[in-house]
């Protein structure tokens, strides 16, 4: 399922899920730790999990008001930065663990790069105090393209 809005998610849940996706939560047994955005790359099983990307974007929607606040939550920022930096280092860099060990295909690298570009752009715009429409425009276009491409939007 593609989540465009964070209507069903509260801030506390968003922060918990963000920590899990960033592999920064204290509960190492939480299922999202192992199968979340970074967790699924740490022990890559040959598939990029698009649902994780959509959940991250939903989390960003929920946290958008916090990100435009001059007093940013350091823990949230560390998680956002970790996701962006580590996913790039592990999946996109030629010497990263996934590419150097030939675990990720060129097509998957392209998809991951698109996801990280959309995610980091949204974070940047929100931190700058930009509006949500601008921050999520690229993501919404991605979702629309996905729906047209697949006829349902369930993933690439």
N, C-alpha and C. Protein backbone atom coordinates (compact mmCIF):
# COMPACT_ATOMS: atom_id res chain seq x y z
N UNK A 1 0.85 -1.17 0.00
CA UNK A 1 0.00 0.00 0.00
C UNK A 1 0.89 1.24 0.00
N UNK A 2 0.49 2.23 -0.76
CA UNK A 2 1.24 3.48 -0.82
C UNK A 2 0.57 4.49 0.09
N UNK A 3 1.37 5.07 0.96
CA UNK A 3 0.86 6.06 1.89
C UNK A 3 1.29 7.44 1.42
N UNK A 4 0.33 8.29 1.08
CA UNK A 4 0.65 9.64 0.66
C UNK A 4 0.60 10.61 1.82
N UNK A 5 -0.19 10.33 2.79
CA UNK A 5 -0.36 11.25 3.92
C UNK A 5 -0.14 10.46 5.21
N UNK A 6 0.20 11.17 6.25
CA UNK A 6 0.41 10.54 7.55
C UNK A 6 -0.81 10.65 8.44
N UNK A 7 -2.00 10.72 7.86
CA UNK A 7 -3.22 10.96 8.62
C UNK A 7 -3.46 9.94 9.73
N UNK A 8 -3.05 8.71 9.52
CA UNK A 8 -3.34 7.66 10.49
C UNK A 8 -2.20 7.46 11.50
N UNK A 9 -1.16 8.26 11.41
CA UNK A 9 0.01 8.06 12.26
C UNK A 9 0.18 9.26 13.19
N UNK A 10 0.45 8.98 14.43
CA UNK A 10 0.72 10.03 15.43
C UNK A 10 2.23 10.29 15.46
N UNK A 11 2.63 11.44 16.01
CA UNK A 11 4.04 11.81 16.07
C UNK A 11 4.87 10.76 16.81
N UNK A 12 4.39 10.29 17.95
CA UNK A 12 5.14 9.33 18.75
C UNK A 12 5.41 8.06 17.94
N UNK A 13 4.41 7.57 17.23
CA UNK A 13 4.58 6.38 16.39
C UNK A 13 5.57 6.67 15.26
N UNK A 14 5.47 7.86 14.68
CA UNK A 14 6.37 8.24 13.59
C UNK A 14 7.83 8.24 14.06
N UNK A 15 8.08 8.79 15.23
CA UNK A 15 9.45 8.83 15.77
C UNK A 15 9.94 7.41 16.04
N UNK A 16 9.11 6.57 16.63
CA UNK A 16 9.50 5.19 16.90
C UNK A 16 9.85 4.46 15.61
N UNK A 17 9.00 4.60 14.58
CA UNK A 17 9.26 3.93 13.30
C UNK A 17 10.51 4.50 12.63
N UNK A 18 10.70 5.82 12.72
CA UNK A 18 11.89 6.42 12.15
C UNK A 18 13.14 5.83 12.79
N UNK A 19 13.14 5.70 14.11
CA UNK A 19 14.28 5.10 14.82
C UNK A 19 14.53 3.67 14.35
N UNK A 20 13.46 2.93 14.14
CA UNK A 20 13.60 1.55 13.67
C UNK A 20 14.17 1.51 12.25
N UNK A 21 13.65 2.35 11.36
CA UNK A 21 14.15 2.38 9.98
C UNK A 21 15.62 2.82 9.94
N UNK A 22 16.03 3.64 10.90
CA UNK A 22 17.41 4.12 10.97
C UNK A 22 18.30 3.18 11.77
N UNK A 23 17.73 2.09 12.25
CA UNK A 23 18.44 1.10 13.08
C UNK A 23 19.02 1.78 14.31
N UNK A 24 18.20 2.65 14.93
CA UNK A 24 18.65 3.42 16.09
C UNK A 24 17.73 3.25 17.29
N UNK A 25 16.88 2.27 17.25
CA UNK A 25 15.94 2.05 18.36
C UNK A 25 16.57 1.10 19.37
N UNK A 26 16.21 1.27 20.64
CA UNK A 26 16.77 0.42 21.70
C UNK A 26 16.26 -1.02 21.63
N UNK A 27 15.05 -1.22 21.13
CA UNK A 27 14.46 -2.56 21.05
C UNK A 27 14.92 -3.25 19.78
N UNK A 28 16.03 -3.98 19.87
CA UNK A 28 16.59 -4.66 18.69
C UNK A 28 15.69 -5.77 18.17
N UNK A 29 14.68 -6.16 18.96
CA UNK A 29 13.76 -7.20 18.52
C UNK A 29 12.54 -6.65 17.80
N UNK A 30 12.43 -5.33 17.71
CA UNK A 30 11.31 -4.74 16.98
C UNK A 30 11.43 -5.19 15.52
N UNK A 31 10.35 -5.69 14.91
CA UNK A 31 10.43 -6.23 13.54
C UNK A 31 10.93 -5.21 12.51
N UNK A 32 10.65 -3.95 12.72
CA UNK A 32 11.10 -2.95 11.75
C UNK A 32 12.61 -2.73 11.83
N UNK A 33 13.22 -3.10 12.92
CA UNK A 33 14.68 -2.97 13.01
C UNK A 33 15.35 -3.86 11.95
N UNK A 34 14.96 -5.10 11.87
CA UNK A 34 15.58 -6.04 10.94
C UNK A 34 15.13 -5.83 9.50
N UNK A 35 13.85 -5.53 9.32
CA UNK A 35 13.29 -5.45 7.98
C UNK A 35 13.02 -4.02 7.51
N UNK A 36 13.42 -3.03 8.32
CA UNK A 36 13.20 -1.63 7.97
C UNK A 36 14.16 -1.17 6.88
N UNK A 37 14.19 0.13 6.65
CA UNK A 37 14.96 0.67 5.53
C UNK A 37 16.43 0.30 5.62
N UNK A 38 17.10 0.64 6.71
CA UNK A 38 18.52 0.28 6.83
C UNK A 38 18.70 -1.19 7.20
N UNK A 39 17.83 -1.72 8.04
CA UNK A 39 17.94 -3.12 8.44
C UNK A 39 17.90 -4.07 7.25
N UNK A 40 17.07 -3.76 6.27
CA UNK A 40 16.96 -4.63 5.10
C UNK A 40 18.20 -4.53 4.20
N UNK A 41 19.00 -3.47 4.36
CA UNK A 41 20.24 -3.34 3.59
C UNK A 41 21.41 -3.99 4.32
N UNK A 42 21.35 -3.99 5.64
CA UNK A 42 22.44 -4.56 6.44
C UNK A 42 22.56 -6.06 6.22
N UNK A 43 21.46 -6.65 5.98
CA UNK A 43 21.43 -8.08 5.65
C UNK A 43 20.55 -8.20 4.41
N UNK A 44 21.13 -7.74 3.31
CA UNK A 44 20.38 -7.63 2.06
C UNK A 44 19.99 -9.01 1.55
N UNK A 45 18.71 -9.13 1.24
CA UNK A 45 18.18 -10.42 0.78
C UNK A 45 17.78 -10.37 -0.69
N UNK A 46 18.38 -9.43 -1.41
CA UNK A 46 18.17 -9.36 -2.85
C UNK A 46 17.00 -8.50 -3.30
N UNK A 47 16.24 -7.93 -2.35
CA UNK A 47 15.09 -7.11 -2.72
C UNK A 47 15.11 -5.80 -1.97
N UNK A 48 14.79 -4.74 -2.70
CA UNK A 48 14.52 -3.46 -2.06
C UNK A 48 13.06 -3.47 -1.66
N UNK A 49 12.76 -3.06 -0.45
CA UNK A 49 11.40 -3.10 0.06
C UNK A 49 10.76 -1.72 -0.09
N UNK A 50 9.99 -1.56 -1.16
CA UNK A 50 9.40 -0.27 -1.47
C UNK A 50 8.47 0.21 -0.36
N UNK A 51 7.84 -0.70 0.35
CA UNK A 51 6.96 -0.31 1.45
C UNK A 51 7.73 0.49 2.50
N UNK A 52 9.00 0.17 2.71
CA UNK A 52 9.83 0.94 3.65
C UNK A 52 10.00 2.38 3.19
N UNK A 53 10.24 2.56 1.90
CA UNK A 53 10.38 3.90 1.36
C UNK A 53 9.10 4.70 1.57
N UNK A 54 7.96 4.11 1.26
CA UNK A 54 6.69 4.82 1.44
C UNK A 54 6.43 5.13 2.91
N UNK A 55 6.79 4.21 3.79
CA UNK A 55 6.60 4.48 5.21
C UNK A 55 7.49 5.63 5.68
N UNK A 56 8.72 5.70 5.16
CA UNK A 56 9.60 6.82 5.50
C UNK A 56 9.00 8.15 5.05
N UNK A 57 8.42 8.17 3.88
CA UNK A 57 7.81 9.40 3.38
C UNK A 57 6.58 9.77 4.22
N UNK A 58 5.85 8.78 4.66
CA UNK A 58 4.70 9.01 5.55
C UNK A 58 5.19 9.58 6.88
N UNK A 59 6.26 9.03 7.40
CA UNK A 59 6.86 9.53 8.65
C UNK A 59 7.27 10.99 8.47
N UNK A 60 7.88 11.31 7.34
CA UNK A 60 8.27 12.70 7.08
C UNK A 60 7.05 13.63 7.09
N UNK A 61 5.95 13.17 6.52
CA UNK A 61 4.72 13.99 6.51
C UNK A 61 4.28 14.29 7.95
N UNK A 62 4.33 13.27 8.79
CA UNK A 62 3.92 13.46 10.18
C UNK A 62 4.87 14.40 10.90
N UNK A 63 6.16 14.28 10.63
CA UNK A 63 7.16 15.08 11.33
C UNK A 63 7.44 16.43 10.66
N UNK A 64 6.78 16.72 9.56
CA UNK A 64 7.02 17.96 8.82
C UNK A 64 6.93 19.20 9.71
N UNK A 65 5.91 19.33 10.57
CA UNK A 65 5.87 20.53 11.42
C UNK A 65 7.09 20.64 12.35
N UNK A 66 7.57 19.51 12.84
CA UNK A 66 8.76 19.51 13.70
C UNK A 66 10.00 19.96 12.95
N UNK A 67 10.10 19.57 11.68
CA UNK A 67 11.31 19.87 10.90
C UNK A 67 11.41 21.34 10.53
N UNK A 68 10.29 22.04 10.53
CA UNK A 68 10.35 23.47 10.23
C UNK A 68 10.55 24.31 11.49
N UNK A 69 10.56 23.65 12.63
CA UNK A 69 10.76 24.31 13.91
C UNK A 69 12.24 24.68 14.07
N UNK A 70 12.55 25.91 14.50
CA UNK A 70 13.97 26.29 14.68
C UNK A 70 14.72 25.40 15.67
N UNK A 71 14.02 24.83 16.64
CA UNK A 71 14.66 23.93 17.61
C UNK A 71 14.42 22.49 17.15
N UNK A 72 15.28 22.02 16.25
CA UNK A 72 15.12 20.68 15.70
C UNK A 72 15.43 19.61 16.74
N UNK A 73 14.71 18.51 16.67
CA UNK A 73 14.93 17.36 17.54
C UNK A 73 16.19 16.65 17.06
N UNK A 74 17.21 16.68 17.88
CA UNK A 74 18.51 16.10 17.51
C UNK A 74 18.41 14.61 17.17
N UNK A 75 17.63 13.87 17.93
CA UNK A 75 17.48 12.43 17.69
C UNK A 75 16.81 12.16 16.34
N UNK A 76 15.79 12.93 16.02
CA UNK A 76 15.11 12.79 14.73
C UNK A 76 16.08 13.12 13.60
N UNK A 77 16.81 14.22 13.75
CA UNK A 77 17.77 14.62 12.71
C UNK A 77 18.85 13.57 12.51
N UNK A 78 19.33 12.99 13.60
CA UNK A 78 20.35 11.94 13.49
C UNK A 78 19.81 10.75 12.71
N UNK A 79 18.57 10.39 12.94
CA UNK A 79 17.96 9.27 12.21
C UNK A 79 17.82 9.60 10.73
N UNK A 80 17.34 10.79 10.41
CA UNK A 80 17.19 11.19 9.01
C UNK A 80 18.54 11.19 8.29
N UNK A 81 19.54 11.73 8.95
CA UNK A 81 20.88 11.78 8.37
C UNK A 81 21.46 10.38 8.21
N UNK A 82 21.27 9.53 9.21
CA UNK A 82 21.77 8.15 9.13
C UNK A 82 21.18 7.40 7.96
N UNK A 83 19.88 7.52 7.79
CA UNK A 83 19.22 6.83 6.68
C UNK A 83 19.81 7.29 5.35
N UNK A 84 19.93 8.59 5.19
CA UNK A 84 20.44 9.12 3.93
C UNK A 84 21.90 8.73 3.71
N UNK A 85 22.73 8.93 4.70
CA UNK A 85 24.16 8.67 4.54
C UNK A 85 24.47 7.16 4.41
N UNK A 86 23.95 6.37 5.33
CA UNK A 86 24.29 4.94 5.32
C UNK A 86 23.72 4.21 4.12
N UNK A 87 22.51 4.53 3.72
CA UNK A 87 21.95 3.87 2.53
C UNK A 87 22.78 4.20 1.30
N UNK A 88 23.22 5.44 1.19
CA UNK A 88 24.09 5.80 0.06
C UNK A 88 25.42 5.05 0.13
N UNK A 89 26.02 5.03 1.32
CA UNK A 89 27.31 4.36 1.49
C UNK A 89 27.22 2.87 1.21
N UNK A 90 26.17 2.24 1.68
CA UNK A 90 26.05 0.79 1.54
C UNK A 90 25.55 0.35 0.17
N UNK A 91 24.59 1.09 -0.41
CA UNK A 91 23.93 0.62 -1.64
C UNK A 91 24.39 1.33 -2.91
N UNK A 92 24.81 2.58 -2.81
CA UNK A 92 25.11 3.34 -4.02
C UNK A 92 26.59 3.44 -4.34
N UNK A 93 27.40 3.54 -3.33
CA UNK A 93 28.84 3.70 -3.56
C UNK A 93 29.44 2.41 -4.15
N UNK A 94 30.29 2.53 -5.17
CA UNK A 94 30.89 1.34 -5.77
C UNK A 94 31.64 0.46 -4.77
N UNK A 95 32.24 1.07 -3.74
CA UNK A 95 32.96 0.30 -2.73
C UNK A 95 32.08 -0.08 -1.54
N UNK A 96 30.81 0.31 -1.59
CA UNK A 96 29.88 -0.03 -0.52
C UNK A 96 29.63 -1.53 -0.46
N UNK A 97 29.14 -2.00 0.67
CA UNK A 97 29.03 -3.45 0.87
C UNK A 97 28.14 -4.15 -0.15
N UNK A 98 27.09 -3.51 -0.62
CA UNK A 98 26.20 -4.19 -1.56
C UNK A 98 26.76 -4.23 -2.97
N UNK A 99 27.31 -3.12 -3.43
CA UNK A 99 27.86 -3.10 -4.80
C UNK A 99 29.17 -3.85 -4.89
N UNK A 100 30.04 -3.68 -3.92
CA UNK A 100 31.35 -4.34 -4.00
C UNK A 100 31.24 -5.85 -3.90
N UNK A 101 30.17 -6.33 -3.27
CA UNK A 101 29.94 -7.78 -3.16
C UNK A 101 28.95 -8.29 -4.20
N UNK A 102 28.58 -7.43 -5.14
CA UNK A 102 27.67 -7.79 -6.24
C UNK A 102 26.34 -8.34 -5.73
N UNK A 103 25.82 -7.72 -4.68
CA UNK A 103 24.56 -8.16 -4.08
C UNK A 103 23.36 -7.36 -4.60
N UNK A 104 23.62 -6.22 -5.21
CA UNK A 104 22.55 -5.34 -5.67
C UNK A 104 22.74 -5.09 -7.17
N UNK A 105 21.64 -5.14 -7.91
CA UNK A 105 21.72 -4.94 -9.36
C UNK A 105 21.82 -3.46 -9.70
N UNK A 106 22.22 -3.18 -10.92
CA UNK A 106 22.28 -1.79 -11.38
C UNK A 106 20.89 -1.15 -11.35
N UNK A 107 19.87 -1.91 -11.69
CA UNK A 107 18.50 -1.40 -11.66
C UNK A 107 18.10 -1.04 -10.22
N UNK A 108 18.46 -1.88 -9.26
CA UNK A 108 18.16 -1.60 -7.86
C UNK A 108 18.92 -0.37 -7.36
N UNK A 109 20.14 -0.19 -7.83
CA UNK A 109 20.92 1.00 -7.46
C UNK A 109 20.20 2.25 -7.95
N UNK A 110 19.67 2.19 -9.16
CA UNK A 110 18.93 3.33 -9.72
C UNK A 110 17.69 3.64 -8.90
N UNK A 111 16.96 2.60 -8.51
CA UNK A 111 15.76 2.79 -7.68
C UNK A 111 16.13 3.38 -6.33
N UNK A 112 17.15 2.83 -5.68
CA UNK A 112 17.57 3.33 -4.38
C UNK A 112 18.02 4.78 -4.48
N UNK A 113 18.74 5.11 -5.53
CA UNK A 113 19.18 6.49 -5.71
C UNK A 113 17.97 7.43 -5.84
N UNK A 114 16.95 7.01 -6.59
CA UNK A 114 15.75 7.83 -6.73
C UNK A 114 15.06 8.01 -5.37
N UNK A 115 14.92 6.92 -4.62
CA UNK A 115 14.29 7.00 -3.30
C UNK A 115 15.04 7.97 -2.39
N UNK A 116 16.36 7.83 -2.34
CA UNK A 116 17.16 8.69 -1.46
C UNK A 116 17.12 10.15 -1.91
N UNK A 117 17.09 10.38 -3.21
CA UNK A 117 16.97 11.75 -3.69
C UNK A 117 15.64 12.36 -3.29
N UNK A 118 14.55 11.62 -3.43
CA UNK A 118 13.23 12.12 -3.04
C UNK A 118 13.15 12.36 -1.54
N UNK A 119 13.68 11.43 -0.77
CA UNK A 119 13.67 11.53 0.69
C UNK A 119 14.50 12.72 1.16
N UNK A 120 15.73 12.81 0.68
CA UNK A 120 16.62 13.88 1.15
C UNK A 120 16.14 15.25 0.67
N UNK A 121 15.54 15.33 -0.51
CA UNK A 121 14.99 16.60 -0.98
C UNK A 121 13.86 17.06 -0.06
N UNK A 122 12.96 16.14 0.29
CA UNK A 122 11.85 16.49 1.18
C UNK A 122 12.39 16.97 2.53
N UNK A 123 13.37 16.26 3.08
CA UNK A 123 13.96 16.68 4.36
C UNK A 123 14.56 18.07 4.23
N UNK A 124 15.31 18.32 3.17
CA UNK A 124 15.95 19.62 2.98
C UNK A 124 14.92 20.74 2.92
N UNK A 125 13.88 20.56 2.12
CA UNK A 125 12.86 21.61 1.98
C UNK A 125 12.16 21.86 3.31
N UNK A 126 11.85 20.79 4.05
CA UNK A 126 11.17 20.96 5.33
C UNK A 126 12.07 21.67 6.35
N UNK A 127 13.34 21.33 6.38
CA UNK A 127 14.27 21.98 7.31
C UNK A 127 14.44 23.46 6.96
N UNK A 128 14.42 23.77 5.68
CA UNK A 128 14.53 25.16 5.25
C UNK A 128 13.27 25.96 5.55
N UNK A 129 12.21 25.28 5.99
CA UNK A 129 10.96 25.96 6.28
C UNK A 129 10.04 26.05 5.08
N UNK A 130 10.39 25.33 4.00
CA UNK A 130 9.54 25.30 2.81
C UNK A 130 8.22 24.59 3.09
N UNK A 131 7.30 24.74 2.17
CA UNK A 131 6.01 24.12 2.44
C UNK A 131 5.98 22.66 2.01
N UNK A 132 5.04 21.94 2.59
CA UNK A 132 4.94 20.50 2.35
C UNK A 132 4.65 20.17 0.90
N UNK A 133 3.88 21.02 0.24
CA UNK A 133 3.55 20.76 -1.16
C UNK A 133 4.83 20.67 -1.99
N UNK A 134 5.73 21.61 -1.76
CA UNK A 134 7.01 21.58 -2.48
C UNK A 134 7.85 20.38 -2.05
N UNK A 135 7.91 20.13 -0.75
CA UNK A 135 8.74 19.05 -0.22
C UNK A 135 8.34 17.69 -0.80
N UNK A 136 7.05 17.46 -0.96
CA UNK A 136 6.56 16.14 -1.37
C UNK A 136 6.13 16.08 -2.83
N UNK A 137 6.35 17.15 -3.59
CA UNK A 137 5.93 17.16 -4.98
C UNK A 137 6.58 16.00 -5.75
N UNK A 138 7.88 15.84 -5.63
CA UNK A 138 8.59 14.78 -6.34
C UNK A 138 8.10 13.40 -5.94
N UNK A 139 7.86 13.21 -4.65
CA UNK A 139 7.36 11.92 -4.17
C UNK A 139 5.96 11.64 -4.73
N UNK A 140 5.11 12.64 -4.72
CA UNK A 140 3.76 12.44 -5.26
C UNK A 140 3.81 12.12 -6.74
N UNK A 141 4.72 12.75 -7.47
CA UNK A 141 4.89 12.43 -8.89
C UNK A 141 5.38 10.99 -9.05
N UNK A 142 6.30 10.58 -8.19
CA UNK A 142 6.80 9.20 -8.20
C UNK A 142 5.64 8.22 -8.01
N UNK A 143 4.78 8.51 -7.05
CA UNK A 143 3.63 7.63 -6.78
C UNK A 143 2.71 7.57 -8.00
N UNK A 144 2.43 8.72 -8.59
CA UNK A 144 1.57 8.74 -9.78
C UNK A 144 2.20 7.95 -10.92
N UNK A 145 3.50 8.14 -11.14
CA UNK A 145 4.20 7.38 -12.17
C UNK A 145 4.14 5.88 -11.89
N UNK A 146 4.27 5.53 -10.64
CA UNK A 146 4.22 4.12 -10.22
C UNK A 146 2.84 3.53 -10.52
N UNK A 147 1.81 4.29 -10.23
CA UNK A 147 0.45 3.83 -10.48
C UNK A 147 0.24 3.61 -11.96
N UNK A 148 0.70 4.53 -12.78
CA UNK A 148 0.54 4.40 -14.23
C UNK A 148 1.36 3.22 -14.75
N UNK A 149 2.61 3.11 -14.27
CA UNK A 149 3.50 2.06 -14.73
C UNK A 149 3.01 0.66 -14.37
N UNK A 150 2.54 0.50 -13.15
CA UNK A 150 2.13 -0.81 -12.66
C UNK A 150 0.63 -1.04 -12.73
N UNK A 151 -0.10 0.02 -12.93
CA UNK A 151 -1.54 -0.12 -12.96
C UNK A 151 -2.15 -0.20 -11.58
N UNK A 152 -1.32 -0.14 -10.52
CA UNK A 152 -1.84 -0.26 -9.17
C UNK A 152 -0.98 0.48 -8.15
N UNK A 153 0.29 0.68 -8.44
CA UNK A 153 1.16 1.41 -7.53
C UNK A 153 1.72 0.59 -6.40
N UNK A 154 1.75 -0.71 -6.53
CA UNK A 154 2.24 -1.56 -5.46
C UNK A 154 3.75 -1.71 -5.44
N UNK A 155 4.44 -1.12 -6.34
CA UNK A 155 5.89 -1.19 -6.26
C UNK A 155 6.52 -1.37 -7.62
N UNK A 156 7.83 -1.30 -7.57
CA UNK A 156 8.60 -1.46 -8.81
C UNK A 156 9.32 -2.77 -8.78
